[in-house]
Amino acid sequence: MYREIPATGREGFTNELWRSITSIYSEILAHRFLRALTDGTLTEDRFRFYVLQDALYLREYARALSLAGVRSPDEGALVMFNEHSAGAITVERSLHEGFLKDLGVAREEAEATKASPTTLAYTSFLLRTATLGDYPEVLGAVLPCNWI
C-alpha cells in the first residue's frame, strides 16, 4: 500500500529524493489520523468530514493536474496529466459517492459543503502554483498526492 523507500545501491534522482525524506515519510505514515483511517478506528463523524473535504480537494486537484499538463513541455506529459485528472474525477468520485451514501449524506449536502480552511489553503496553493509556477514547481506541488 505504501511506497518502500530504496535502501542502497545505484539510484536515480527520484530514489535519492525519497531517501532524503525518510524521516518525514515515516512521520506521515505514523500520523494518528492516517493510522485511524487505515485501521478502522476513525470515528464516523471524522470519516464523514474527511470524505466531504477529500471530495472537494479532488475536484481542485484534478484542475491542478490539467494545468500541469498545460504547463508541461511535451505532449506525452500533457496526455498523462489529463488522464490522471480525469481519473481523479471519475474513479474517486464514485468511491466518495459510495462512502457518502453509506454515511447517509445526500448529494445536495455534499455539494453544499464548504471547504475547511485547511482544504481551501491547500487547494489554493495547488491551483496558484499550477497556474503561475514554473513547470518544476508545478511537479513539486502535484506529485506528493500521487506518491504519498
N, C-alpha and C. Protein backbone atom coordinates (compact mmCIF):
# COMPACT_ATOMS: atom_id res chain seq x y z
N MET A 1 0.81 -1.18 0.00
CA MET A 1 0.00 0.00 0.00
C MET A 1 0.86 1.26 0.00
N TYR A 2 1.92 1.24 0.78
CA TYR A 2 2.79 2.41 0.85
C TYR A 2 4.08 2.13 0.11
N ARG A 3 4.69 3.17 -0.37
CA ARG A 3 5.92 3.05 -1.15
C ARG A 3 7.06 2.67 -0.23
N GLU A 4 7.82 1.69 -0.66
CA GLU A 4 9.04 1.32 0.05
C GLU A 4 10.16 2.25 -0.41
N ILE A 5 10.87 2.80 0.53
CA ILE A 5 11.99 3.67 0.19
C ILE A 5 13.20 2.79 -0.06
N PRO A 6 13.88 2.96 -1.21
CA PRO A 6 15.03 2.12 -1.53
C PRO A 6 16.12 2.21 -0.46
N ALA A 7 16.74 1.10 -0.18
CA ALA A 7 17.74 1.05 0.89
C ALA A 7 19.10 1.55 0.41
N THR A 8 19.66 0.93 -0.57
CA THR A 8 21.00 1.30 -1.03
C THR A 8 21.13 1.02 -2.51
N GLY A 9 22.34 1.18 -2.99
CA GLY A 9 22.64 0.84 -4.37
C GLY A 9 22.57 2.04 -5.27
N ARG A 10 22.77 1.77 -6.52
CA ARG A 10 22.72 2.82 -7.52
C ARG A 10 21.29 3.30 -7.64
N GLU A 11 21.10 4.58 -7.48
CA GLU A 11 19.74 5.08 -7.51
C GLU A 11 19.63 6.29 -8.41
N GLY A 12 18.44 6.45 -8.95
CA GLY A 12 18.16 7.62 -9.75
C GLY A 12 17.78 8.79 -8.87
N PHE A 13 17.48 9.88 -9.51
CA PHE A 13 17.15 11.10 -8.80
C PHE A 13 15.91 10.93 -7.93
N THR A 14 14.88 10.26 -8.45
CA THR A 14 13.65 10.06 -7.67
C THR A 14 13.93 9.28 -6.40
N ASN A 15 14.69 8.20 -6.51
CA ASN A 15 15.02 7.42 -5.32
C ASN A 15 15.86 8.22 -4.33
N GLU A 16 16.74 9.04 -4.86
CA GLU A 16 17.54 9.90 -3.99
C GLU A 16 16.64 10.85 -3.21
N LEU A 17 15.64 11.40 -3.87
CA LEU A 17 14.69 12.29 -3.19
C LEU A 17 13.91 11.52 -2.12
N TRP A 18 13.45 10.32 -2.46
CA TRP A 18 12.72 9.51 -1.48
C TRP A 18 13.58 9.23 -0.25
N ARG A 19 14.82 8.88 -0.48
CA ARG A 19 15.71 8.57 0.65
C ARG A 19 15.96 9.82 1.49
N SER A 20 15.94 10.97 0.88
CA SER A 20 16.21 12.20 1.63
C SER A 20 15.05 12.58 2.56
N ILE A 21 13.88 12.00 2.35
CA ILE A 21 12.72 12.33 3.20
C ILE A 21 12.28 11.13 4.04
N THR A 22 13.17 10.20 4.30
CA THR A 22 12.80 9.00 5.04
C THR A 22 12.12 9.34 6.37
N SER A 23 12.67 10.26 7.13
CA SER A 23 12.08 10.56 8.44
C SER A 23 10.72 11.25 8.28
N ILE A 24 10.60 12.14 7.31
CA ILE A 24 9.33 12.82 7.07
C ILE A 24 8.26 11.82 6.65
N TYR A 25 8.63 10.92 5.74
CA TYR A 25 7.69 9.91 5.26
C TYR A 25 7.25 9.00 6.40
N SER A 26 8.16 8.65 7.27
CA SER A 26 7.82 7.82 8.44
C SER A 26 6.83 8.55 9.34
N GLU A 27 7.03 9.84 9.52
CA GLU A 27 6.10 10.63 10.34
C GLU A 27 4.72 10.69 9.70
N ILE A 28 4.68 10.81 8.38
CA ILE A 28 3.39 10.82 7.69
C ILE A 28 2.65 9.51 7.93
N LEU A 29 3.34 8.40 7.75
CA LEU A 29 2.71 7.09 7.93
C LEU A 29 2.31 6.84 9.37
N ALA A 30 3.00 7.45 10.31
CA ALA A 30 2.69 7.26 11.73
C ALA A 30 1.64 8.24 12.26
N HIS A 31 1.23 9.20 11.43
CA HIS A 31 0.27 10.20 11.90
C HIS A 31 -1.00 9.52 12.40
N ARG A 32 -1.50 9.97 13.53
CA ARG A 32 -2.63 9.29 14.18
C ARG A 32 -3.89 9.28 13.31
N PHE A 33 -4.12 10.33 12.51
CA PHE A 33 -5.29 10.32 11.63
C PHE A 33 -5.16 9.22 10.59
N LEU A 34 -4.01 9.16 9.94
CA LEU A 34 -3.80 8.14 8.91
C LEU A 34 -3.87 6.74 9.50
N ARG A 35 -3.29 6.56 10.68
CA ARG A 35 -3.37 5.25 11.34
C ARG A 35 -4.83 4.88 11.63
N ALA A 36 -5.61 5.84 12.17
CA ALA A 36 -7.01 5.56 12.48
C ALA A 36 -7.82 5.30 11.21
N LEU A 37 -7.50 6.02 10.15
CA LEU A 37 -8.19 5.82 8.87
C LEU A 37 -7.92 4.42 8.33
N THR A 38 -6.68 3.97 8.42
CA THR A 38 -6.31 2.68 7.84
C THR A 38 -6.65 1.49 8.73
N ASP A 39 -6.70 1.70 10.05
CA ASP A 39 -7.01 0.56 10.92
C ASP A 39 -8.48 0.50 11.32
N GLY A 40 -9.29 1.43 10.82
CA GLY A 40 -10.73 1.39 11.05
C GLY A 40 -11.19 1.97 12.37
N THR A 41 -10.31 2.69 13.08
CA THR A 41 -10.72 3.26 14.36
C THR A 41 -11.13 4.73 14.27
N LEU A 42 -11.12 5.29 13.09
CA LEU A 42 -11.56 6.68 12.91
C LEU A 42 -13.07 6.75 13.16
N THR A 43 -13.49 7.74 13.93
CA THR A 43 -14.92 7.85 14.23
C THR A 43 -15.69 8.16 12.94
N GLU A 44 -16.97 7.82 12.95
CA GLU A 44 -17.80 8.07 11.76
C GLU A 44 -17.88 9.55 11.43
N ASP A 45 -18.00 10.41 12.45
CA ASP A 45 -18.05 11.86 12.21
C ASP A 45 -16.78 12.36 11.54
N ARG A 46 -15.65 11.91 12.01
CA ARG A 46 -14.39 12.35 11.41
C ARG A 46 -14.22 11.79 10.00
N PHE A 47 -14.65 10.53 9.81
CA PHE A 47 -14.58 9.95 8.47
C PHE A 47 -15.48 10.70 7.52
N ARG A 48 -16.67 11.06 7.96
CA ARG A 48 -17.61 11.83 7.14
C ARG A 48 -17.00 13.17 6.74
N PHE A 49 -16.45 13.88 7.72
CA PHE A 49 -15.80 15.16 7.43
C PHE A 49 -14.66 14.96 6.43
N TYR A 50 -13.85 13.94 6.64
CA TYR A 50 -12.73 13.65 5.74
C TYR A 50 -13.21 13.40 4.32
N VAL A 51 -14.23 12.57 4.15
CA VAL A 51 -14.71 12.22 2.81
C VAL A 51 -15.26 13.46 2.11
N LEU A 52 -16.03 14.28 2.83
CA LEU A 52 -16.57 15.50 2.23
C LEU A 52 -15.45 16.45 1.81
N GLN A 53 -14.46 16.63 2.65
CA GLN A 53 -13.34 17.52 2.32
C GLN A 53 -12.48 16.94 1.20
N ASP A 54 -12.30 15.63 1.23
CA ASP A 54 -11.50 14.98 0.19
C ASP A 54 -12.16 15.11 -1.17
N ALA A 55 -13.48 15.02 -1.22
CA ALA A 55 -14.18 15.21 -2.48
C ALA A 55 -13.96 16.62 -3.03
N LEU A 56 -14.02 17.61 -2.14
CA LEU A 56 -13.74 18.99 -2.56
C LEU A 56 -12.30 19.13 -3.05
N TYR A 57 -11.39 18.55 -2.30
CA TYR A 57 -9.98 18.59 -2.66
C TYR A 57 -9.74 17.97 -4.04
N LEU A 58 -10.34 16.80 -4.27
CA LEU A 58 -10.07 16.09 -5.52
C LEU A 58 -10.53 16.86 -6.75
N ARG A 59 -11.63 17.60 -6.63
CA ARG A 59 -12.07 18.43 -7.76
C ARG A 59 -11.00 19.45 -8.13
N GLU A 60 -10.45 20.10 -7.12
CA GLU A 60 -9.43 21.12 -7.36
C GLU A 60 -8.10 20.48 -7.78
N TYR A 61 -7.80 19.33 -7.21
CA TYR A 61 -6.58 18.61 -7.58
C TYR A 61 -6.65 18.21 -9.06
N ALA A 62 -7.82 17.77 -9.50
CA ALA A 62 -7.99 17.42 -10.92
C ALA A 62 -7.71 18.63 -11.80
N ARG A 63 -8.17 19.79 -11.38
CA ARG A 63 -7.88 21.01 -12.15
C ARG A 63 -6.37 21.30 -12.17
N ALA A 64 -5.73 21.13 -11.03
CA ALA A 64 -4.28 21.37 -10.96
C ALA A 64 -3.53 20.39 -11.86
N LEU A 65 -3.98 19.13 -11.93
CA LEU A 65 -3.34 18.17 -12.82
C LEU A 65 -3.50 18.58 -14.28
N SER A 66 -4.69 19.05 -14.64
CA SER A 66 -4.88 19.52 -16.02
C SER A 66 -3.97 20.71 -16.32
N LEU A 67 -3.85 21.61 -15.36
CA LEU A 67 -2.95 22.74 -15.55
C LEU A 67 -1.49 22.28 -15.66
N ALA A 68 -1.13 21.26 -14.91
CA ALA A 68 0.23 20.71 -15.02
C ALA A 68 0.46 20.20 -16.44
N GLY A 69 -0.56 19.56 -17.00
CA GLY A 69 -0.44 19.11 -18.39
C GLY A 69 -0.26 20.26 -19.35
N VAL A 70 -1.03 21.31 -19.14
CA VAL A 70 -0.91 22.50 -19.99
C VAL A 70 0.48 23.11 -19.88
N ARG A 71 1.04 23.10 -18.68
CA ARG A 71 2.35 23.71 -18.44
C ARG A 71 3.51 22.82 -18.87
N SER A 72 3.24 21.54 -19.14
CA SER A 72 4.31 20.60 -19.46
C SER A 72 4.95 20.93 -20.81
N PRO A 73 6.22 20.60 -20.94
CA PRO A 73 6.92 20.92 -22.18
C PRO A 73 6.70 19.91 -23.30
N ASP A 74 6.04 18.78 -23.01
CA ASP A 74 5.87 17.80 -24.09
C ASP A 74 4.46 17.21 -24.09
N GLU A 75 4.09 16.70 -25.24
CA GLU A 75 2.75 16.18 -25.46
C GLU A 75 2.45 14.94 -24.60
N GLY A 76 3.45 14.10 -24.38
CA GLY A 76 3.24 12.91 -23.56
C GLY A 76 2.81 13.25 -22.14
N ALA A 77 3.45 14.26 -21.56
CA ALA A 77 3.08 14.69 -20.21
C ALA A 77 1.70 15.34 -20.21
N LEU A 78 1.38 16.07 -21.27
CA LEU A 78 0.06 16.68 -21.38
C LEU A 78 -1.02 15.60 -21.33
N VAL A 79 -0.84 14.56 -22.12
CA VAL A 79 -1.81 13.46 -22.15
C VAL A 79 -1.87 12.77 -20.78
N MET A 80 -0.72 12.47 -20.21
CA MET A 80 -0.67 11.75 -18.93
C MET A 80 -1.36 12.54 -17.82
N PHE A 81 -1.06 13.82 -17.70
CA PHE A 81 -1.67 14.63 -16.65
C PHE A 81 -3.18 14.75 -16.84
N ASN A 82 -3.63 14.87 -18.07
CA ASN A 82 -5.06 14.96 -18.28
C ASN A 82 -5.77 13.63 -18.05
N GLU A 83 -5.12 12.52 -18.32
CA GLU A 83 -5.69 11.22 -17.98
C GLU A 83 -5.80 11.07 -16.46
N HIS A 84 -4.77 11.51 -15.75
CA HIS A 84 -4.81 11.45 -14.28
C HIS A 84 -5.89 12.39 -13.73
N SER A 85 -6.07 13.52 -14.37
CA SER A 85 -7.11 14.46 -13.96
C SER A 85 -8.48 13.81 -14.12
N ALA A 86 -8.71 13.19 -15.27
CA ALA A 86 -10.00 12.51 -15.49
C ALA A 86 -10.19 11.39 -14.49
N GLY A 87 -9.12 10.67 -14.18
CA GLY A 87 -9.21 9.59 -13.20
C GLY A 87 -9.57 10.10 -11.82
N ALA A 88 -9.01 11.23 -11.45
CA ALA A 88 -9.32 11.82 -10.13
C ALA A 88 -10.80 12.15 -10.04
N ILE A 89 -11.36 12.60 -11.13
CA ILE A 89 -12.78 12.95 -11.14
C ILE A 89 -13.66 11.69 -11.17
N THR A 90 -13.41 10.78 -12.09
CA THR A 90 -14.33 9.66 -12.28
C THR A 90 -14.16 8.56 -11.23
N VAL A 91 -12.96 8.08 -11.03
CA VAL A 91 -12.76 6.97 -10.11
C VAL A 91 -12.99 7.40 -8.67
N GLU A 92 -12.38 8.49 -8.27
CA GLU A 92 -12.51 8.94 -6.89
C GLU A 92 -13.93 9.40 -6.58
N ARG A 93 -14.60 10.01 -7.54
CA ARG A 93 -15.97 10.45 -7.30
C ARG A 93 -16.86 9.25 -6.99
N SER A 94 -16.71 8.19 -7.74
CA SER A 94 -17.55 7.01 -7.48
C SER A 94 -17.25 6.42 -6.11
N LEU A 95 -15.99 6.44 -5.71
CA LEU A 95 -15.61 5.95 -4.39
C LEU A 95 -16.26 6.81 -3.30
N HIS A 96 -16.15 8.13 -3.44
CA HIS A 96 -16.73 9.03 -2.45
C HIS A 96 -18.25 8.91 -2.41
N GLU A 97 -18.88 8.79 -3.58
CA GLU A 97 -20.33 8.66 -3.60
C GLU A 97 -20.77 7.42 -2.84
N GLY A 98 -20.01 6.34 -2.94
CA GLY A 98 -20.33 5.14 -2.18
C GLY A 98 -20.21 5.37 -0.69
N PHE A 99 -19.13 6.03 -0.28
CA PHE A 99 -18.94 6.34 1.14
C PHE A 99 -20.05 7.26 1.64
N LEU A 100 -20.36 8.30 0.87
CA LEU A 100 -21.36 9.27 1.31
C LEU A 100 -22.74 8.62 1.42
N LYS A 101 -23.04 7.74 0.49
CA LYS A 101 -24.32 7.02 0.56
C LYS A 101 -24.37 6.19 1.84
N ASP A 102 -23.27 5.47 2.11
CA ASP A 102 -23.21 4.65 3.33
C ASP A 102 -23.32 5.50 4.60
N LEU A 103 -22.85 6.74 4.52
CA LEU A 103 -22.89 7.65 5.68
C LEU A 103 -24.19 8.44 5.76
N GLY A 104 -25.08 8.24 4.77
CA GLY A 104 -26.37 8.93 4.78
C GLY A 104 -26.28 10.39 4.38
N VAL A 105 -25.29 10.73 3.56
CA VAL A 105 -25.12 12.11 3.11
C VAL A 105 -25.71 12.25 1.71
N ALA A 106 -26.70 13.13 1.57
CA ALA A 106 -27.33 13.38 0.28
C ALA A 106 -26.37 14.16 -0.63
N ARG A 107 -26.54 13.98 -1.93
CA ARG A 107 -25.71 14.70 -2.91
C ARG A 107 -25.79 16.21 -2.69
N GLU A 108 -26.98 16.72 -2.39
CA GLU A 108 -27.16 18.16 -2.18
C GLU A 108 -26.33 18.66 -1.00
N GLU A 109 -26.29 17.87 0.05
CA GLU A 109 -25.48 18.24 1.22
C GLU A 109 -24.00 18.23 0.87
N ALA A 110 -23.59 17.22 0.14
CA ALA A 110 -22.18 17.13 -0.26
C ALA A 110 -21.80 18.32 -1.13
N GLU A 111 -22.67 18.67 -2.08
CA GLU A 111 -22.39 19.78 -2.98
C GLU A 111 -22.42 21.13 -2.27
N ALA A 112 -23.16 21.21 -1.17
CA ALA A 112 -23.26 22.47 -0.41
C ALA A 112 -22.13 22.61 0.62
N THR A 113 -21.33 21.58 0.80
CA THR A 113 -20.26 21.62 1.79
C THR A 113 -19.20 22.63 1.38
N LYS A 114 -18.79 23.45 2.33
CA LYS A 114 -17.74 24.44 2.11
C LYS A 114 -16.39 23.83 2.49
N ALA A 115 -15.38 24.27 1.80
CA ALA A 115 -14.02 23.81 2.11
C ALA A 115 -13.61 24.31 3.48
N SER A 116 -12.97 23.44 4.24
CA SER A 116 -12.40 23.86 5.52
C SER A 116 -11.22 24.79 5.23
N PRO A 117 -10.77 25.55 6.21
CA PRO A 117 -9.60 26.42 5.98
C PRO A 117 -8.39 25.65 5.46
N THR A 118 -8.17 24.44 5.96
CA THR A 118 -7.02 23.65 5.51
C THR A 118 -7.19 23.21 4.07
N THR A 119 -8.37 22.72 3.72
CA THR A 119 -8.64 22.30 2.34
C THR A 119 -8.51 23.48 1.40
N LEU A 120 -9.08 24.60 1.78
CA LEU A 120 -9.00 25.80 0.95
C LEU A 120 -7.56 26.27 0.77
N ALA A 121 -6.80 26.28 1.83
CA ALA A 121 -5.39 26.71 1.74
C ALA A 121 -4.60 25.79 0.81
N TYR A 122 -4.79 24.48 0.96
CA TYR A 122 -4.02 23.54 0.14
C TYR A 122 -4.43 23.59 -1.32
N THR A 123 -5.74 23.62 -1.59
CA THR A 123 -6.17 23.66 -2.99
C THR A 123 -5.81 24.99 -3.63
N SER A 124 -5.86 26.07 -2.86
CA SER A 124 -5.44 27.38 -3.40
C SER A 124 -3.96 27.36 -3.76
N PHE A 125 -3.15 26.75 -2.90
CA PHE A 125 -1.72 26.60 -3.19
C PHE A 125 -1.52 25.81 -4.48
N LEU A 126 -2.21 24.67 -4.60
CA LEU A 126 -2.06 23.84 -5.79
C LEU A 126 -2.42 24.59 -7.06
N LEU A 127 -3.57 25.26 -7.04
CA LEU A 127 -4.03 25.96 -8.25
C LEU A 127 -3.16 27.17 -8.57
N ARG A 128 -2.72 27.89 -7.57
CA ARG A 128 -1.85 29.04 -7.81
C ARG A 128 -0.51 28.58 -8.40
N THR A 129 0.05 27.52 -7.80
CA THR A 129 1.33 27.01 -8.30
C THR A 129 1.18 26.46 -9.71
N ALA A 130 0.09 25.72 -9.95
CA ALA A 130 -0.11 25.14 -11.28
C ALA A 130 -0.37 26.21 -12.33
N THR A 131 -0.88 27.35 -11.91
CA THR A 131 -1.17 28.44 -12.83
C THR A 131 0.04 29.33 -13.07
N LEU A 132 0.76 29.64 -12.01
CA LEU A 132 1.82 30.65 -12.11
C LEU A 132 3.24 30.12 -11.96
N GLY A 133 3.38 28.92 -11.44
CA GLY A 133 4.72 28.40 -11.17
C GLY A 133 5.42 27.89 -12.41
N ASP A 134 6.73 27.75 -12.29
CA ASP A 134 7.49 27.10 -13.35
C ASP A 134 7.14 25.62 -13.33
N TYR A 135 7.35 24.93 -14.44
CA TYR A 135 6.97 23.53 -14.55
C TYR A 135 7.54 22.67 -13.42
N PRO A 136 8.82 22.81 -13.04
CA PRO A 136 9.32 22.01 -11.91
C PRO A 136 8.57 22.30 -10.61
N GLU A 137 8.17 23.54 -10.39
CA GLU A 137 7.38 23.87 -9.20
C GLU A 137 6.01 23.19 -9.24
N VAL A 138 5.42 23.18 -10.42
CA VAL A 138 4.12 22.52 -10.59
C VAL A 138 4.25 21.04 -10.25
N LEU A 139 5.29 20.41 -10.75
CA LEU A 139 5.52 18.99 -10.43
C LEU A 139 5.69 18.79 -8.93
N GLY A 140 6.45 19.67 -8.31
CA GLY A 140 6.66 19.58 -6.87
C GLY A 140 5.37 19.75 -6.08
N ALA A 141 4.43 20.48 -6.63
CA ALA A 141 3.16 20.70 -5.94
C ALA A 141 2.20 19.52 -6.11
N VAL A 142 2.11 18.96 -7.32
CA VAL A 142 1.08 17.93 -7.57
C VAL A 142 1.53 16.50 -7.31
N LEU A 143 2.81 16.21 -7.38
CA LEU A 143 3.25 14.83 -7.25
C LEU A 143 3.12 14.22 -5.86
N PRO A 144 3.30 14.98 -4.78
CA PRO A 144 3.18 14.33 -3.46
C PRO A 144 1.87 13.59 -3.23
N CYS A 145 0.77 14.10 -3.76
CA CYS A 145 -0.51 13.41 -3.57
C CYS A 145 -0.45 12.02 -4.21
N ASN A 146 0.09 11.93 -5.38
CA ASN A 146 0.21 10.63 -6.05
C ASN A 146 1.19 9.72 -5.33
N TRP A 147 2.27 10.27 -4.86
CA TRP A 147 3.32 9.44 -4.28
C TRP A 147 3.01 9.01 -2.85
N ILE A 148 2.38 9.88 -2.07
CA ILE A 148 2.10 9.52 -0.68
C ILE A 148 0.82 8.71 -0.65
